[in-house]
């Protein structure tokens, strides 16, 4: 990037100091004071923030626990119902006390096990498995979403830090120019309107700096919140990063999105789940079974053993099984339509972020290669002309403010470009910001 901040600032300061050297010599109070050194803290790397968010963010951890909970449901769905054990007696009121000489008196024990029609348990397990897979894709969506939000907040924080840095440098230089204009006016070599305009621009710059600091604080709080830190926890300056490259075409991004989007994958698992549910509902036309064993002791008589087999009769199939099949069929149709809706929304979101990234990329390049260098040359030319008296102070000041705005505009578009890439990543399932 050919943005010559340091050269512009030093050149502007040199020209301004030369232009007002005589006036400053007669007014010592107009000489600029050196700013106190500021404490430097460790920089904040984006990769570290992403890892911390994955480990600590409550939305990600909550989604992970839901996945584990759903996976524990699979073996339950594939298991038989608990057997039923019955212990009883008939005779006296005392427990297990039978009446002698009465053949109807007994004490006994029985057990019953329900057996679903073959294939039902397998279908129930497959339904639970697909539900767990759908919840896993919800977890993946939460994880990708949090990472994208961390990256977006980081790039916002980066932009505001850069904007504050540039504004502070220009504020310091503008203060020097304002003092020089004041000194020149006091000795009759300048105009009062120069002093007033410099003061107005300085006030405007201070107002802009206040807004930028507030917005930087908001981005910092957002990062801390995503990392489950105290919102007021200190955050060092953002580390530098390499600008991402969007080398894929829009069609390639569409293909990646169709293959990797969490929403589409989740909807596909729900379609499969509902397909199994339709099959299970049809299986309910067939009866389930129950097998039981019974043992009885009777006074003065041989012990008795018995076996029972029970079968439920789906005679109310018109209002139960048939309606259940219709219900699950409608669920299946709804899931398929949900997948189509997600695909339509997905392609729009991909194209939206792609266009935003391309626009910001072109604008950042335009700022870097043309706008800022041209504005810088205009500023340097106006300062040289001001030194010899062919350009007034207001023209030079206007060029000075223009350069600042264009430099901040470059970093705004750079941040917007990275944010668009970060928001593309969860949609296509590929990392684009590196």
Protein backbone atom coordinates (compact mmCIF):
# COMPACT_ATOMS: atom_id res chain seq x y z
CA UNK A 1 0.00 0.00 0.00
CA UNK A 2 1.40 3.34 -1.02
CA UNK A 3 0.01 5.49 1.77
CA UNK A 4 2.79 7.76 2.92
CA UNK A 5 1.49 8.79 6.34
CA UNK A 6 4.84 9.44 7.93
CA UNK A 7 6.19 11.38 4.95
CA UNK A 8 3.09 13.54 4.75
CA UNK A 9 3.10 14.30 8.44
CA UNK A 10 6.80 15.12 8.54
CA UNK A 11 6.62 17.12 5.31
CA UNK A 12 3.57 19.03 6.50
CA UNK A 13 5.20 19.75 9.83
CA UNK A 14 8.41 20.94 8.15
CA UNK A 15 6.61 23.22 5.71
CA UNK A 16 4.30 24.55 8.39
CA UNK A 17 7.18 25.21 10.76
CA UNK A 18 9.19 26.94 8.00
CA UNK A 19 6.18 29.01 6.97
CA UNK A 20 5.66 30.21 10.53
CA UNK A 21 9.23 30.25 11.81
CA UNK A 22 9.37 34.01 12.13
CA UNK A 23 6.08 34.26 13.97
CA UNK A 24 6.91 31.43 16.35
CA UNK A 25 10.27 32.96 17.17
CA UNK A 26 8.45 35.99 18.48
CA UNK A 27 5.90 33.91 20.40
CA UNK A 28 7.49 31.09 22.44
CA UNK A 29 4.14 29.98 23.73
CA UNK A 30 3.20 28.89 20.20
CA UNK A 31 5.95 26.24 20.06
CA UNK A 32 4.49 22.70 20.09
CA UNK A 33 5.09 20.49 23.12
CA UNK A 34 6.21 16.88 22.78
CA UNK A 35 3.47 14.35 23.57
CA UNK A 36 4.16 12.06 26.56
CA UNK A 37 5.05 8.49 25.61
CA UNK A 38 2.17 6.03 25.71
CA UNK A 39 2.41 2.61 27.29
CA UNK A 40 2.47 -0.27 24.83
CA UNK A 41 0.70 -3.53 25.54
CA UNK A 42 0.96 -6.91 23.85
CA UNK A 43 -0.81 -7.14 20.53
CA UNK A 44 -3.89 -9.31 20.10
CA UNK A 45 -3.63 -12.00 17.40
CA UNK A 46 -6.80 -13.11 15.63
CA UNK A 47 -5.92 -16.82 15.74
CA UNK A 48 -5.60 -16.67 19.53
CA UNK A 49 -8.99 -15.00 19.81
CA UNK A 50 -10.61 -17.64 17.61
CA UNK A 51 -9.17 -20.50 19.66
CA UNK A 52 -10.30 -18.89 22.89
CA UNK A 53 -13.80 -18.33 21.54
CA UNK A 54 -14.11 -21.97 20.47
CA UNK A 55 -13.06 -23.09 23.94
CA UNK A 56 -15.07 -20.62 26.02
CA UNK A 57 -18.01 -19.20 24.11
CA UNK A 58 -21.20 -20.38 25.87
CA UNK A 59 -23.21 -20.68 22.65
CA UNK A 60 -20.63 -23.09 21.22
CA UNK A 61 -20.34 -25.07 24.44
CA UNK A 62 -24.11 -25.26 24.84
CA UNK A 63 -24.50 -26.59 21.29
CA UNK A 64 -21.75 -29.14 21.95
CA UNK A 65 -23.54 -30.41 25.03
CA UNK A 66 -26.78 -30.77 23.07
CA UNK A 67 -24.93 -32.96 20.59
CA UNK A 68 -23.67 -35.20 23.38
CA UNK A 69 -27.17 -35.39 24.86
CA UNK A 70 -28.67 -36.43 21.52
CA UNK A 71 -26.02 -39.08 20.98
CA UNK A 72 -26.93 -40.62 24.33
CA UNK A 73 -30.47 -40.95 23.02
CA UNK A 74 -29.47 -43.36 20.21
CA UNK A 75 -28.85 -46.49 22.32
CA UNK A 76 -32.04 -45.76 24.26
CA UNK A 77 -34.08 -45.71 21.07
CA UNK A 78 -32.63 -49.05 19.93
CA UNK A 79 -33.23 -50.80 23.25
CA UNK A 80 -36.16 -52.99 24.20
CA UNK A 81 -38.67 -51.79 26.75
CA UNK A 82 -37.91 -52.78 30.34
CA UNK A 83 -39.33 -56.20 31.28
CA UNK A 84 -42.09 -56.25 33.87
CA UNK A 85 -41.80 -58.42 36.97
CA UNK A 86 -44.87 -59.31 39.03
CA UNK A 87 -44.87 -60.94 42.48
CA UNK A 88 -48.15 -61.80 44.23
CA UNK A 89 -50.18 -64.23 46.28
CA UNK A 90 -53.78 -65.20 47.00
CA UNK A 91 -54.84 -66.54 50.33
CA UNK A 92 -54.29 -64.98 53.73
CA UNK A 93 -53.63 -61.29 54.31
CA UNK A 94 -50.11 -61.93 55.54
CA UNK A 95 -47.52 -61.54 52.76
CA UNK A 96 -47.10 -64.73 50.71
CA UNK A 97 -49.26 -66.73 53.16
CA UNK A 98 -51.47 -69.22 51.35
CA UNK A 99 -54.55 -71.05 52.67
CA UNK A 100 -54.04 -74.74 53.17
CA UNK A 101 -56.46 -77.15 51.49
CA UNK A 102 -57.64 -74.38 49.14
CA UNK A 103 -56.48 -75.14 45.57
CA UNK A 104 -57.20 -71.59 44.43
CA UNK A 105 -54.70 -70.18 46.94
CA UNK A 106 -51.22 -69.59 45.58
CA UNK A 107 -48.08 -67.48 45.61
CA UNK A 108 -46.18 -66.80 42.45
CA UNK A 109 -43.94 -64.68 40.30
CA UNK A 110 -44.22 -63.67 36.65
CA UNK A 111 -42.20 -61.71 34.10
CA UNK A 112 -43.31 -60.03 30.87
CA UNK A 113 -41.20 -58.68 27.98
CA UNK A 114 -42.63 -56.56 25.16
CA UNK A 115 -41.22 -57.24 21.69
CA UNK A 116 -41.86 -54.73 18.91
CA UNK A 117 -42.47 -55.96 15.39
CA UNK A 118 -39.18 -56.77 13.61
CA UNK A 119 -37.55 -53.68 12.13
CA UNK A 120 -39.13 -51.11 14.46
CA UNK A 121 -36.18 -50.86 16.84
CA UNK A 122 -33.76 -50.38 13.98
CA UNK A 123 -35.90 -47.59 12.54
CA UNK A 124 -36.13 -45.89 15.92
CA UNK A 125 -32.36 -46.02 16.23
CA UNK A 126 -31.94 -44.54 12.75
CA UNK A 127 -34.36 -41.73 13.59
CA UNK A 128 -32.42 -40.89 16.76
CA UNK A 129 -29.14 -41.07 14.84
CA UNK A 130 -30.35 -38.58 12.22
CA UNK A 131 -31.69 -36.28 14.93
CA UNK A 132 -28.27 -36.34 16.58
CA UNK A 133 -26.61 -35.58 13.24
CA UNK A 134 -28.96 -32.63 12.70
CA UNK A 135 -28.07 -31.27 16.13
CA UNK A 136 -24.36 -31.71 15.32
CA UNK A 137 -24.80 -29.47 12.30
CA UNK A 138 -26.53 -26.97 14.57
CA UNK A 139 -23.42 -27.06 16.74
CA UNK A 140 -21.23 -26.58 13.68
CA UNK A 141 -23.37 -23.61 12.66
CA UNK A 142 -22.96 -22.10 16.13
CA UNK A 143 -19.19 -22.67 16.05
CA UNK A 144 -18.76 -21.17 12.59
CA UNK A 145 -21.05 -18.29 13.48
CA UNK A 146 -19.09 -17.40 16.60
CA UNK A 147 -15.80 -17.55 14.70
CA UNK A 148 -17.23 -15.24 12.04
CA UNK A 149 -18.45 -12.83 14.71
CA UNK A 150 -15.04 -12.86 16.41
CA UNK A 151 -13.33 -12.11 13.14
CA UNK A 152 -15.79 -9.35 12.26
CA UNK A 153 -15.37 -7.77 15.70
CA UNK A 154 -11.59 -8.04 15.40
CA UNK A 155 -11.53 -6.31 12.01
CA UNK A 156 -13.85 -3.60 13.33
CA UNK A 157 -11.52 -3.16 16.29
CA UNK A 158 -8.55 -3.04 13.91
CA UNK A 159 -10.20 -0.33 11.80
CA UNK A 160 -11.08 1.88 14.74
CA UNK A 161 -7.59 1.55 16.18
CA UNK A 162 -6.10 2.57 12.83
CA UNK A 163 -8.57 5.43 12.47
CA UNK A 164 -7.75 6.66 15.98
CA UNK A 165 -4.03 6.42 15.28
CA UNK A 166 -4.34 8.46 12.07
CA UNK A 167 -6.67 10.99 13.67
CA UNK A 168 -4.36 11.49 16.64
CA UNK A 169 -1.40 12.12 14.34
CA UNK A 170 -3.39 14.62 12.30
CA UNK A 171 -4.71 16.23 15.47
CA UNK A 172 -1.19 16.83 16.71
CA UNK A 173 -0.13 18.30 13.39
CA UNK A 174 -3.29 20.39 13.13
CA UNK A 175 -2.61 21.80 16.57
CA UNK A 176 0.81 22.89 15.35
CA UNK A 177 -0.70 24.46 12.24
CA UNK A 178 -3.31 26.25 14.34
CA UNK A 179 -0.60 27.68 16.60
CA UNK A 180 1.40 28.83 13.59
CA UNK A 181 -1.68 30.46 12.05
CA UNK A 182 -2.32 32.21 15.36
CA UNK A 183 1.26 33.42 15.59
CA UNK A 184 1.24 34.67 11.99
CA UNK A 185 -1.99 36.52 12.62
CA UNK A 186 -0.58 38.16 15.75
CA UNK A 187 2.39 39.56 13.85
CA UNK A 188 0.23 40.68 10.92
CA UNK A 189 1.31 38.02 8.42
CA UNK A 190 -1.87 35.96 8.50
CA UNK A 191 -5.63 36.34 8.47
CA UNK A 192 -8.04 35.83 11.32
CA UNK A 193 -10.18 33.51 9.21
CA UNK A 194 -7.18 31.15 9.00
CA UNK A 195 -7.06 30.96 12.77
CA UNK A 196 -10.82 30.44 13.07
CA UNK A 197 -10.95 27.76 10.39
CA UNK A 198 -8.02 25.91 11.96
CA UNK A 199 -9.80 25.97 15.33
CA UNK A 200 -13.04 24.73 13.75
CA UNK A 201 -11.25 21.86 12.01
CA UNK A 202 -9.43 21.02 15.20
CA UNK A 203 -12.71 20.88 17.11
CA UNK A 204 -14.22 18.71 14.38
CA UNK A 205 -11.22 16.39 14.57
CA UNK A 206 -11.54 16.11 18.34
CA UNK A 207 -15.23 15.30 17.95
CA UNK A 208 -14.40 12.61 15.38
CA UNK A 209 -11.74 11.21 17.71
CA UNK A 210 -14.26 10.95 20.55
CA UNK A 211 -16.69 9.02 18.34
CA UNK A 212 -13.93 6.70 17.11
CA UNK A 213 -12.81 5.95 20.66
CA UNK A 214 -16.37 5.11 21.66
CA UNK A 215 -16.79 2.81 18.66
CA UNK A 216 -13.45 1.16 19.36
CA UNK A 217 -14.59 0.53 22.92
CA UNK A 218 -17.79 -1.04 21.61
CA UNK A 219 -15.80 -3.38 19.36
CA UNK A 220 -13.57 -4.26 22.32
CA UNK A 221 -16.58 -5.06 24.51
CA UNK A 222 -18.02 -7.18 21.71
CA UNK A 223 -14.82 -9.20 21.50
CA UNK A 224 -14.69 -9.67 25.26
CA UNK A 225 -18.31 -10.83 25.29
CA UNK A 226 -17.69 -13.42 22.59
CA UNK A 227 -14.69 -14.70 24.56
CA UNK A 228 -16.66 -14.85 27.83
CA UNK A 229 -14.38 -12.24 29.36
CA UNK A 230 -15.31 -9.32 31.54
CA UNK A 231 -16.66 -6.64 29.17
CA UNK A 232 -14.22 -4.14 30.66
CA UNK A 233 -11.21 -6.45 30.42
CA UNK A 234 -8.24 -4.68 28.80
CA UNK A 235 -7.47 -5.56 25.21
CA UNK A 236 -4.19 -4.83 23.54
CA UNK A 237 -3.85 -3.34 20.07
CA UNK A 238 -4.73 -5.69 17.20
CA UNK A 239 -1.88 -7.53 15.55
CA UNK A 240 -1.25 -7.01 11.87
CA UNK A 241 -2.67 -9.52 9.42
CA UNK A 242 -2.28 -10.48 5.80
CA UNK A 243 -5.14 -9.39 3.59
CA UNK A 244 -7.21 -12.36 2.48
CA UNK A 245 -7.54 -13.35 -1.15
CA UNK A 246 -10.87 -14.18 -2.70
CA UNK A 247 -9.63 -16.31 -5.58
CA UNK A 248 -12.76 -18.44 -6.04
CA UNK A 249 -15.37 -17.49 -8.58
CA UNK A 250 -18.96 -17.00 -7.56
CA UNK A 251 -19.91 -20.35 -9.10
CA UNK A 252 -17.17 -22.08 -7.11
CA UNK A 253 -18.47 -20.48 -3.93
CA UNK A 254 -21.97 -21.67 -4.76
CA UNK A 255 -20.67 -25.23 -5.13
CA UNK A 256 -18.80 -25.02 -1.83
CA UNK A 257 -21.89 -23.66 -0.13
CA UNK A 258 -24.14 -26.43 -1.43
CA UNK A 259 -21.66 -29.03 -0.18
CA UNK A 260 -20.70 -27.50 3.16
CA UNK A 261 -23.45 -25.22 4.43
CA UNK A 262 -24.58 -26.24 7.90
CA UNK A 263 -28.21 -25.34 7.19
CA UNK A 264 -28.40 -27.55 4.11
CA UNK A 265 -26.68 -30.41 5.92
CA UNK A 266 -29.07 -30.11 8.84
CA UNK A 267 -32.10 -30.07 6.54
CA UNK A 268 -30.78 -33.16 4.73
CA UNK A 269 -30.52 -35.02 8.05
CA UNK A 270 -34.07 -34.00 8.90
CA UNK A 271 -35.25 -35.29 5.52
CA UNK A 272 -33.60 -38.65 6.23
CA UNK A 273 -35.04 -38.63 9.74
CA UNK A 274 -38.55 -38.09 8.39
CA UNK A 275 -38.08 -40.80 5.77
CA UNK A 276 -37.33 -43.25 8.56
CA UNK A 277 -40.28 -41.86 10.53
CA UNK A 278 -42.62 -42.58 7.60
CA UNK A 279 -41.30 -46.14 7.43
CA UNK A 280 -41.81 -46.57 11.17
CA UNK A 281 -45.35 -45.23 10.97
CA UNK A 282 -46.10 -47.81 8.28
CA UNK A 283 -44.58 -50.52 10.47
CA UNK A 284 -47.10 -49.62 13.16
CA UNK A 285 -49.77 -51.30 11.05
CA UNK A 286 -48.12 -54.53 12.21
CA UNK A 287 -48.69 -55.71 15.79
CA UNK A 288 -46.21 -55.77 18.64
CA UNK A 289 -45.84 -58.80 20.87
CA UNK A 290 -45.44 -59.63 24.50
CA UNK A 291 -43.96 -62.81 25.98
CA UNK A 292 -44.43 -63.73 29.63
CA UNK A 293 -43.47 -66.51 32.05
CA UNK A 294 -45.34 -67.35 35.26
CA UNK A 295 -44.51 -69.61 38.22
CA UNK A 296 -47.00 -70.51 41.01
CA UNK A 297 -46.86 -72.45 44.24
CA UNK A 298 -50.11 -73.99 45.63
CA UNK A 299 -50.59 -75.82 48.93
CA UNK A 300 -50.40 -79.61 48.69
CA UNK A 301 -50.34 -79.41 44.90
CA UNK A 302 -47.59 -79.49 42.26
CA UNK A 303 -45.99 -76.20 41.27
CA UNK A 304 -47.33 -74.60 38.10
CA UNK A 305 -45.51 -73.00 35.19
CA UNK A 306 -47.12 -70.90 32.50
CA UNK A 307 -46.22 -68.98 29.37
CA UNK A 308 -48.26 -66.15 27.87
CA UNK A 309 -48.04 -64.44 24.50
CA UNK A 310 -49.84 -61.14 23.88
CA UNK A 311 -50.44 -59.32 20.60
CA UNK A 312 -51.89 -55.85 20.21
CA UNK A 313 -54.53 -55.54 17.53
CA UNK A 314 -54.36 -52.30 15.50
CA UNK A 315 -58.08 -52.28 14.80
CA UNK A 316 -58.29 -48.49 15.06
CA UNK A 317 -55.84 -48.02 12.22
CA UNK A 318 -58.09 -45.53 10.43
CA UNK A 319 -57.77 -42.96 13.22
CA UNK A 320 -54.27 -43.91 14.44
CA UNK A 321 -51.83 -45.66 12.13
CA UNK A 322 -53.18 -44.19 8.89
CA UNK A 323 -53.19 -40.67 10.34
CA UNK A 324 -49.70 -41.20 11.72
CA UNK A 325 -48.45 -42.12 8.24
CA UNK A 326 -50.06 -38.99 6.84
CA UNK A 327 -48.52 -36.88 9.59
CA UNK A 328 -45.01 -38.18 8.95
CA UNK A 329 -45.47 -37.81 5.20
CA UNK A 330 -46.34 -34.14 5.68
CA UNK A 331 -43.30 -33.73 7.92
CA UNK A 332 -41.15 -35.20 5.17
CA UNK A 333 -42.60 -32.84 2.56
CA UNK A 334 -42.05 -29.88 4.91
CA UNK A 335 -38.42 -30.90 5.45
CA UNK A 336 -37.80 -31.05 1.71
CA UNK A 337 -39.34 -27.62 1.23
CA UNK A 338 -37.25 -26.35 4.13
CA UNK A 339 -34.13 -27.54 2.37
CA UNK A 340 -35.16 -25.73 -0.83
CA UNK A 341 -35.82 -22.55 1.15
CA UNK A 342 -32.44 -22.80 2.84
CA UNK A 343 -30.69 -23.26 -0.50
CA UNK A 344 -32.39 -20.17 -1.93
CA UNK A 345 -31.44 -18.10 1.12
CA UNK A 346 -27.93 -19.52 1.09
CA UNK A 347 -27.21 -18.55 -2.51
CA UNK A 348 -28.44 -15.02 -1.81
CA UNK A 349 -26.23 -14.72 1.28
CA UNK A 350 -23.19 -16.02 -0.61
CA UNK A 351 -23.70 -13.60 -3.47
CA UNK A 352 -24.37 -10.72 -1.07
CA UNK A 353 -21.11 -11.22 0.81
CA UNK A 354 -19.21 -11.93 -2.43
CA UNK A 355 -20.34 -8.66 -3.96
CA UNK A 356 -19.59 -6.80 -0.75
CA UNK A 357 -16.09 -8.29 -0.64
CA UNK A 358 -15.38 -7.48 -4.28
CA UNK A 359 -16.62 -3.90 -3.91
CA UNK A 360 -14.52 -3.30 -0.79
CA UNK A 361 -11.49 -4.92 -2.42
CA UNK A 362 -11.75 -2.62 -5.43
CA UNK A 363 -12.32 0.47 -3.27
CA UNK A 364 -9.38 -0.36 -1.01
CA UNK A 365 -7.15 -0.81 -4.06
CA UNK A 366 -8.43 2.45 -5.49
CA UNK A 367 -7.68 4.27 -2.25
CA UNK A 368 -4.24 2.70 -2.02
CA UNK A 369 -3.11 3.05 -5.62
CA UNK A 370 -4.78 6.26 -6.74
CA UNK A 371 -6.89 8.32 -4.38
CA UNK A 372 -4.56 8.62 -1.40
CA UNK A 373 -1.36 9.16 -3.44
CA UNK A 374 -3.10 11.80 -5.56
CA UNK A 375 -4.53 13.55 -2.51
CA UNK A 376 -1.10 13.39 -0.87
CA UNK A 377 0.50 15.05 -3.90
CA UNK A 378 -2.20 17.71 -3.85
CA UNK A 379 -1.46 18.36 -0.17
CA UNK A 380 2.29 18.53 -0.74
CA UNK A 381 1.76 20.91 -3.68
CA UNK A 382 -0.55 23.16 -1.68
CA UNK A 383 1.87 23.27 1.25
CA UNK A 384 4.73 24.23 -1.06
CA UNK A 385 2.55 26.91 -2.67
CA UNK A 386 1.45 28.14 0.76
CA UNK A 387 5.08 28.56 1.73
CA UNK A 388 5.63 31.00 -1.14
CA UNK A 389 2.26 32.67 -0.72
CA UNK A 390 0.49 31.49 -3.89
CA UNK A 391 -2.08 29.33 -2.03
CA UNK A 392 -4.03 30.44 1.02
CA UNK A 393 -4.12 28.63 4.33
CA UNK A 394 -7.70 27.40 3.87
CA UNK A 395 -6.84 25.54 0.66
CA UNK A 396 -3.93 23.81 2.32
CA UNK A 397 -6.11 22.96 5.32
CA UNK A 398 -8.83 21.51 3.10
CA UNK A 399 -6.30 19.27 1.34
CA UNK A 400 -4.95 18.22 4.71
CA UNK A 401 -8.39 17.08 5.94
CA UNK A 402 -9.07 15.33 2.62
CA UNK A 403 -5.96 13.18 2.96
CA UNK A 404 -7.01 12.14 6.45
CA UNK A 405 -10.49 11.16 5.25
CA UNK A 406 -9.08 9.14 2.36
CA UNK A 407 -6.57 7.33 4.56
CA UNK A 408 -9.32 6.38 7.02
CA UNK A 409 -11.49 5.38 4.05
CA UNK A 410 -8.81 2.92 2.94
CA UNK A 411 -8.77 1.14 6.29
CA UNK A 412 -12.57 1.17 6.38
CA UNK A 413 -12.74 -0.68 3.08
CA UNK A 414 -9.95 -3.06 4.09
CA UNK A 415 -11.88 -3.96 7.23
CA UNK A 416 -15.12 -4.30 5.26
CA UNK A 417 -13.37 -6.65 2.84
CA UNK A 418 -12.10 -8.88 5.63
CA UNK A 419 -15.50 -8.84 7.35
CA UNK A 420 -17.22 -9.92 4.13
CA UNK A 421 -14.76 -12.81 3.80
CA UNK A 422 -15.32 -13.75 7.44
CA UNK A 423 -19.08 -13.85 6.88
CA UNK A 424 -18.59 -15.96 3.74
CA UNK A 425 -16.59 -18.59 5.61
CA UNK A 426 -19.46 -20.22 7.57
CA UNK A 427 -21.56 -20.36 4.40
CA UNK A 428 -18.99 -22.12 2.21
CA UNK A 429 -17.16 -24.06 4.92
CA UNK A 430 -13.72 -22.80 3.87
CA UNK A 431 -11.29 -20.35 5.44
CA UNK A 432 -10.89 -17.27 3.27
CA UNK A 433 -9.36 -14.70 5.63
CA UNK A 434 -5.87 -16.22 5.75
